[in-house]
C-alpha atoms as a PDB file:
ATOM      1  CA  MET A   1     114.423 184.001 155.507  1.00  0.00           C
ATOM      2  CA  LYS A   2     115.126 180.351 156.170  1.00  0.00           C
ATOM      3  CA  LYS A   3     117.802 180.435 153.479  1.00  0.00           C
ATOM      4  CA  LEU A   4     119.468 183.385 155.158  1.00  0.00           C
ATOM      5  CA  SER A   5     119.455 181.630 158.520  1.00  0.00           C
ATOM      6  CA  ILE A   6     121.015 178.522 157.001  1.00  0.00           C
ATOM      7  CA  VAL A   7     123.726 180.593 155.266  1.00  0.00           C
ATOM      8  CA  PHE A   8     124.428 182.437 158.525  1.00  0.00           C
ATOM      9  CA  MET A   9     124.674 179.173 160.499  1.00  0.00           C
ATOM     10  CA  LEU A  10     126.982 177.663 157.876  1.00  0.00           C
ATOM     11  CA  SER A  11     129.292 180.685 157.944  1.00  0.00           C
ATOM     12  CA  LEU A  12     129.461 180.453 161.735  1.00  0.00           C
ATOM     13  CA  ALA A  13     130.321 176.762 161.538  1.00  0.00           C
ATOM     14  CA  VAL A  14     133.038 177.366 158.937  1.00  0.00           C
ATOM     15  CA  GLY A  15     134.427 180.285 160.966  1.00  0.00           C
ATOM     16  CA  GLY A  16     134.470 178.074 164.053  1.00  0.00           C
ATOM     17  CA  CYS A  17     136.363 175.395 162.140  1.00  0.00           C
ATOM     18  CA  LYS A  18     138.912 177.943 160.970  1.00  0.00           C
ATOM     19  CA  GLN A  19     139.339 179.227 164.509  1.00  0.00           C
ATOM     20  CA  THR A  20     139.783 175.692 165.847  1.00  0.00           C
ATOM     21  CA  ASP A  21     142.211 175.023 163.004  1.00  0.00           C
ATOM     22  CA  GLN A  22     144.184 178.139 163.909  1.00  0.00           C
ATOM     23  CA  SER A  23     144.322 177.299 167.627  1.00  0.00           C
ATOM     24  CA  THR A  24     145.436 173.748 166.755  1.00  0.00           C
ATOM     25  CA  LYS A  25     148.274 175.207 164.651  1.00  0.00           C
ATOM     26  CA  GLU A  26     149.277 177.535 167.492  1.00  0.00           C
ATOM     27  CA  THR A  27     149.253 174.639 169.968  1.00  0.00           C
ATOM     28  CA  SER A  28     151.370 172.570 167.560  1.00  0.00           C
ATOM     29  CA  SER A  29     153.855 175.452 167.195  1.00  0.00           C
ATOM     30  CA  GLU A  30     154.089 175.793 170.979  1.00  0.00           C
ATOM     31  CA  THR A  31     154.660 172.038 171.319  1.00  0.00           C
ATOM     32  CA  ILE A  32     157.450 172.134 168.718  1.00  0.00           C
ATOM     33  CA  ALA A  33     159.071 175.124 170.451  1.00  0.00           C
ATOM     34  CA  MET A  34     158.910 173.340 173.812  1.00  0.00           C
ATOM     35  CA  THR A  35     160.378 170.184 172.287  1.00  0.00           C
ATOM     36  CA  GLU A  36     163.235 172.189 170.783  1.00  0.00           C
ATOM     37  CA  GLN A  37     163.889 173.858 174.134  1.00  0.00           C
ATOM     38  CA  LYS A  38     163.922 170.544 175.958  1.00  0.00           C
ATOM     39  CA  SER A  39     166.407 169.045 173.484  1.00  0.00           C
ATOM     40  CA  VAL A  40     169.227 171.225 174.887  1.00  0.00           C
ATOM     41  CA  GLU A  41     170.670 169.162 177.698  1.00  0.00           C
ATOM     42  CA  THR A  42     173.138 169.685 180.538  1.00  0.00           C
ATOM     43  CA  ILE A  43     176.142 167.727 181.700  1.00  0.00           C
ATOM     44  CA  TYR A  44     174.295 166.916 184.939  1.00  0.00           C
ATOM     45  CA  GLN A  45     172.283 164.095 183.368  1.00  0.00           C
ATOM     46  CA  PHE A  46     175.383 161.902 183.039  1.00  0.00           C
ATOM     47  CA  THR A  47     176.767 159.341 185.462  1.00  0.00           C
ATOM     48  CA  VAL A  48     179.959 157.641 184.296  1.00  0.00           C
ATOM     49  CA  LYS A  49     182.513 155.225 185.725  1.00  0.00           C
ATOM     50  CA  ASP A  50     185.676 156.704 187.172  1.00  0.00           C
ATOM     51  CA  ILE A  51     189.083 155.119 186.656  1.00  0.00           C
ATOM     52  CA  ASN A  52     188.541 152.865 189.680  1.00  0.00           C
ATOM     53  CA  GLY A  53     185.173 151.631 188.403  1.00  0.00           C
ATOM     54  CA  ASP A  54     183.048 153.691 190.794  1.00  0.00           C
ATOM     55  CA  ASP A  55     180.086 155.846 189.746  1.00  0.00           C
ATOM     56  CA  PHE A  56     180.880 159.503 189.060  1.00  0.00           C
ATOM     57  CA  ASP A  57     177.740 161.646 188.951  1.00  0.00           C
ATOM     58  CA  PHE A  58     178.118 164.972 187.149  1.00  0.00           C
ATOM     59  CA  ALA A  59     175.108 166.270 189.085  1.00  0.00           C
ATOM     60  CA  ASP A  60     177.468 166.477 192.075  1.00  0.00           C
ATOM     61  CA  LEU A  61     179.361 169.235 190.221  1.00  0.00           C
ATOM     62  CA  LYS A  62     176.406 171.645 190.008  1.00  0.00           C
ATOM     63  CA  GLY A  63     177.551 175.250 190.391  1.00  0.00           C
ATOM     64  CA  LYS A  64     181.138 174.521 189.296  1.00  0.00           C
ATOM     65  CA  LYS A  65     182.932 175.348 186.082  1.00  0.00           C
ATOM     66  CA  ILE A  66     184.247 172.143 184.525  1.00  0.00           C
ATOM     67  CA  MET A  67     186.977 171.388 182.017  1.00  0.00           C
ATOM     68  CA  ILE A  68     186.530 168.028 180.295  1.00  0.00           C
ATOM     69  CA  VAL A  69     189.607 166.731 178.464  1.00  0.00           C
ATOM     70  CA  ASN A  70     190.357 163.519 176.589  1.00  0.00           C
ATOM     71  CA  THR A  71     193.804 162.275 177.598  1.00  0.00           C
ATOM     72  CA  ALA A  72     196.486 159.863 176.381  1.00  0.00           C
ATOM     73  CA  SER A  73     199.736 158.574 177.890  1.00  0.00           C
ATOM     74  CA  LYS A  74     201.859 158.213 174.752  1.00  0.00           C
ATOM     75  CA  CYS A  75     201.119 161.441 172.884  1.00  0.00           C
ATOM     76  CA  GLY A  76     203.263 164.442 172.048  1.00  0.00           C
ATOM     77  CA  LEU A  77     200.731 166.452 174.071  1.00  0.00           C
ATOM     78  CA  THR A  78     200.925 164.159 177.139  1.00  0.00           C
ATOM     79  CA  PRO A  79     203.052 166.736 179.039  1.00  0.00           C
ATOM     80  CA  GLN A  80     199.862 168.814 179.231  1.00  0.00           C
ATOM     81  CA  TYR A  81     199.062 166.642 182.250  1.00  0.00           C
ATOM     82  CA  GLU A  82     201.549 168.855 184.087  1.00  0.00           C
ATOM     83  CA  GLN A  83     199.652 172.070 183.272  1.00  0.00           C
ATOM     84  CA  LEU A  84     196.320 170.382 183.951  1.00  0.00           C
ATOM     85  CA  GLN A  85     197.470 169.364 187.416  1.00  0.00           C
ATOM     86  CA  ALA A  86     198.891 172.833 188.114  1.00  0.00           C
ATOM     87  CA  LEU A  87     195.600 174.401 186.961  1.00  0.00           C
ATOM     88  CA  TYR A  88     193.674 172.068 189.236  1.00  0.00           C
ATOM     89  CA  GLU A  89     195.909 172.908 192.198  1.00  0.00           C
ATOM     90  CA  ARG A  90     195.455 176.625 191.507  1.00  0.00           C
ATOM     91  CA  TYR A  91     191.710 176.748 190.881  1.00  0.00           C
ATOM     92  CA  GLY A  92     190.289 173.365 191.904  1.00  0.00           C
ATOM     93  CA  GLY A  93     187.806 173.406 194.736  1.00  0.00           C
ATOM     94  CA  SER A  94     184.301 174.760 195.127  1.00  0.00           C
ATOM     95  CA  GLY A  95     184.274 176.717 191.860  1.00  0.00           C
ATOM     96  CA  PHE A  96     186.217 174.678 189.289  1.00  0.00           C
ATOM     97  CA  THR A  97     187.277 171.144 188.468  1.00  0.00           C
ATOM     98  CA  ILE A  98     188.874 169.104 185.686  1.00  0.00           C
ATOM     99  CA  VAL A  99     187.571 165.735 184.518  1.00  0.00           C
ATOM    100  CA  GLY A 100     189.878 163.573 182.400  1.00  0.00           C
ATOM    101  CA  PHE A 101     188.669 160.895 179.980  1.00  0.00           C
ATOM    102  CA  PRO A 102     191.442 158.592 178.721  1.00  0.00           C
ATOM    103  CA  ALA A 103     190.778 157.579 175.103  1.00  0.00           C
ATOM    104  CA  ASN A 104     192.613 155.452 172.556  1.00  0.00           C
ATOM    105  CA  ASN A 105     191.089 157.035 169.429  1.00  0.00           C
ATOM    106  CA  PHE A 106     194.191 158.746 168.081  1.00  0.00           C
ATOM    107  CA  GLY A 107     197.260 156.823 166.970  1.00  0.00           C
ATOM    108  CA  GLN A 108     196.658 154.101 169.582  1.00  0.00           C
ATOM    109  CA  GLN A 109     198.275 156.484 172.087  1.00  0.00           C
ATOM    110  CA  GLU A 110     196.318 155.252 175.123  1.00  0.00           C
ATOM    111  CA  PRO A 111     196.700 151.463 174.935  1.00  0.00           C
ATOM    112  CA  GLY A 112     196.839 150.782 178.686  1.00  0.00           C
ATOM    113  CA  SER A 113     194.217 149.482 181.099  1.00  0.00           C
ATOM    114  CA  ASN A 114     192.535 151.806 183.593  1.00  0.00           C
ATOM    115  CA  THR A 115     194.928 150.585 186.295  1.00  0.00           C
ATOM    116  CA  GLU A 116     197.975 151.259 184.114  1.00  0.00           C
ATOM    117  CA  ILE A 117     196.670 154.711 183.168  1.00  0.00           C
ATOM    118  CA  ALA A 118     196.032 155.616 186.818  1.00  0.00           C
ATOM    119  CA  GLU A 119     199.543 154.506 187.792  1.00  0.00           C
ATOM    120  CA  PHE A 120     201.094 156.441 184.895  1.00  0.00           C
ATOM    121  CA  CYS A 121     199.226 159.645 185.796  1.00  0.00           C
ATOM    122  CA  GLN A 122     200.107 159.408 189.461  1.00  0.00           C
ATOM    123  CA  LEU A 123     203.768 158.432 189.046  1.00  0.00           C
ATOM    124  CA  ASN A 124     204.621 160.876 186.268  1.00  0.00           C
ATOM    125  CA  TYR A 125     202.418 163.883 186.958  1.00  0.00           C
ATOM    126  CA  GLY A 126     200.895 163.463 190.429  1.00  0.00           C
ATOM    127  CA  VAL A 127     197.422 163.784 188.926  1.00  0.00           C
ATOM    128  CA  SER A 128     194.798 164.380 191.611  1.00  0.00           C
ATOM    129  CA  PHE A 129     191.897 165.684 189.502  1.00  0.00           C
ATOM    130  CA  PRO A 130     189.132 163.168 188.711  1.00  0.00           C
ATOM    131  CA  MET A 131     190.042 160.656 186.003  1.00  0.00           C
ATOM    132  CA  MET A 132     187.370 158.483 184.402  1.00  0.00           C
ATOM    133  CA  SER A 133     187.486 155.006 182.870  1.00  0.00           C
ATOM    134  CA  LYS A 134     188.795 154.814 179.313  1.00  0.00           C
ATOM    135  CA  ILE A 135     186.138 155.567 176.686  1.00  0.00           C
ATOM    136  CA  SER A 136     185.797 156.322 172.984  1.00  0.00           C
ATOM    137  CA  VAL A 137     185.431 160.003 172.063  1.00  0.00           C
ATOM    138  CA  LYS A 138     184.620 159.589 168.356  1.00  0.00           C
ATOM    139  CA  GLY A 139     183.214 157.107 165.858  1.00  0.00           C
ATOM    140  CA  GLU A 140     180.328 154.668 166.141  1.00  0.00           C
ATOM    141  CA  ASP A 141     181.195 153.701 169.714  1.00  0.00           C
ATOM    142  CA  MET A 142     181.473 157.318 170.923  1.00  0.00           C
ATOM    143  CA  HIS A 143     180.471 157.620 174.576  1.00  0.00           C
ATOM    144  CA  GLU A 144     177.160 159.413 175.186  1.00  0.00           C
ATOM    145  CA  ILE A 145     178.833 162.242 177.098  1.00  0.00           C
ATOM    146  CA  TYR A 146     180.883 163.048 174.009  1.00  0.00           C
ATOM    147  CA  ARG A 147     177.762 162.946 171.857  1.00  0.00           C
ATOM    148  CA  PHE A 148     176.457 165.710 174.129  1.00  0.00           C
ATOM    149  CA  LEU A 149     179.722 167.669 173.885  1.00  0.00           C
ATOM    150  CA  THR A 150     179.979 167.441 170.093  1.00  0.00           C
ATOM    151  CA  GLN A 151     176.366 167.836 168.894  1.00  0.00           C
ATOM    152  CA  LYS A 152     174.730 171.261 168.829  1.00  0.00           C
ATOM    153  CA  ASP A 153     171.206 169.825 168.986  1.00  0.00           C
ATOM    154  CA  LEU A 154     172.151 168.405 172.403  1.00  0.00           C
ATOM    155  CA  ASN A 155     174.530 171.026 173.858  1.00  0.00           C
ATOM    156  CA  GLY A 156     172.873 174.126 172.382  1.00  0.00           C
ATOM    157  CA  LEU A 157     176.186 175.811 171.454  1.00  0.00           C
ATOM    158  CA  LYS A 158     177.936 174.189 168.503  1.00  0.00           C
ATOM    159  CA  ASP A 159     178.804 171.058 166.582  1.00  0.00           C
ATOM    160  CA  SER A 160     182.422 169.963 166.943  1.00  0.00           C
ATOM    161  CA  GLU A 161     184.666 167.009 166.386  1.00  0.00           C
ATOM    162  CA  VAL A 162     187.379 165.814 168.748  1.00  0.00           C
ATOM    163  CA  ALA A 163     190.479 166.554 166.667  1.00  0.00           C
ATOM    164  CA  TRP A 164     193.135 164.854 168.824  1.00  0.00           C
ATOM    165  CA  ASN A 165     194.122 164.015 172.382  1.00  0.00           C
ATOM    166  CA  PHE A 166     193.802 166.818 174.964  1.00  0.00           C
ATOM    167  CA  GLN A 167     190.898 168.692 173.368  1.00  0.00           C
ATOM    168  CA  LYS A 168     189.154 170.711 176.060  1.00  0.00           C
ATOM    169  CA  TYR A 169     185.440 171.313 176.583  1.00  0.00           C
ATOM    170  CA  LEU A 170     184.513 174.070 179.021  1.00  0.00           C
ATOM    171  CA  ILE A 171     181.230 173.704 180.908  1.00  0.00           C
ATOM    172  CA  ASP A 172     179.709 176.639 182.784  1.00  0.00           C
ATOM    173  CA  GLU A 173     178.136 176.691 186.244  1.00  0.00           C
ATOM    174  CA  ASP A 174     174.739 175.766 184.778  1.00  0.00           C
ATOM    175  CA  GLY A 175     176.063 172.572 183.210  1.00  0.00           C
ATOM    176  CA  THR A 176     175.953 173.850 179.633  1.00  0.00           C
ATOM    177  CA  LEU A 177     178.750 173.925 177.064  1.00  0.00           C
ATOM    178  CA  ALA A 178     180.591 177.273 177.064  1.00  0.00           C
ATOM    179  CA  ALA A 179     183.568 176.702 174.723  1.00  0.00           C
ATOM    180  CA  VAL A 180     185.561 174.162 172.754  1.00  0.00           C
ATOM    181  CA  ILE A 181     189.361 174.523 173.013  1.00  0.00           C
ATOM    182  CA  GLU A 182     191.718 172.927 170.486  1.00  0.00           C
ATOM    183  CA  PRO A 183     194.181 170.264 171.723  1.00  0.00           C
ATOM    184  CA  GLN A 184     197.299 172.385 171.173  1.00  0.00           C
ATOM    185  CA  MET A 185     196.171 175.188 173.494  1.00  0.00           C
ATOM    186  CA  LEU A 186     197.812 174.697 176.877  1.00  0.00           C
ATOM    187  CA  PRO A 187     195.458 174.272 179.838  1.00  0.00           C
ATOM    188  CA  ASP A 188     196.928 177.356 181.540  1.00  0.00           C
ATOM    189  CA  ASP A 189     196.434 179.631 178.509  1.00  0.00           C
ATOM    190  CA  LYS A 190     195.111 183.081 179.452  1.00  0.00           C
ATOM    191  CA  LYS A 191     191.913 182.453 177.474  1.00  0.00           C
ATOM    192  CA  ILE A 192     191.149 179.543 179.833  1.00  0.00           C
ATOM    193  CA  THR A 193     192.254 181.164 183.106  1.00  0.00           C
ATOM    194  CA  ASP A 194     190.256 184.308 182.253  1.00  0.00           C
ATOM    195  CA  TRP A 195     187.184 182.112 181.764  1.00  0.00           C
ATOM    196  CA  ILE A 196     187.761 180.315 185.078  1.00  0.00           C
ATOM    197  CA  GLU A 197     188.158 183.616 186.910  1.00  0.00           C
ATOM    198  CA  SER A 198     185.183 185.330 185.251  1.00  0.00           C
ATOM    199  CA  LYS A 199     181.968 185.649 187.216  1.00  0.00           C
END
């Protein structure tokens, strides 16, 4: 009888261990799932310097659709500034904005200082949408905002690489990446205006 009791107690103990083991595994799985969920970020976590050296907080753009574009002053695609400005004049306001990031990553086509870039944009294209300080959009010195835009484990949508000047990244009203648009597509392409106008 004593032997039976001991066997019964041992089986209970082993069963308890298995149950604890199982609940530990479930807890671990939940933790991993939560960690994976948290790894998808939004644009609102970033504060950058604008072209005048002032802080520009993306959290101030909550609820707006945003087009982020890397720009250059001496590129065959530089005339896109004209369509960008027209797009901003047409849709800019409470529901949409454009944020330009000058970058010198392609063919040394943005060699100027922030002051020179600002003057060029204003004189040649009357740019009034927000322009940021010059950054790097690829390579080892890539700015953190472009790490977010180009890495799926951060943006939750897709991996991409900035192919050339004037690549567009579309951000939805929740601050998450919605689309990546190749440099050659004009800013006023129907694909883009349809997205801006969609609810």
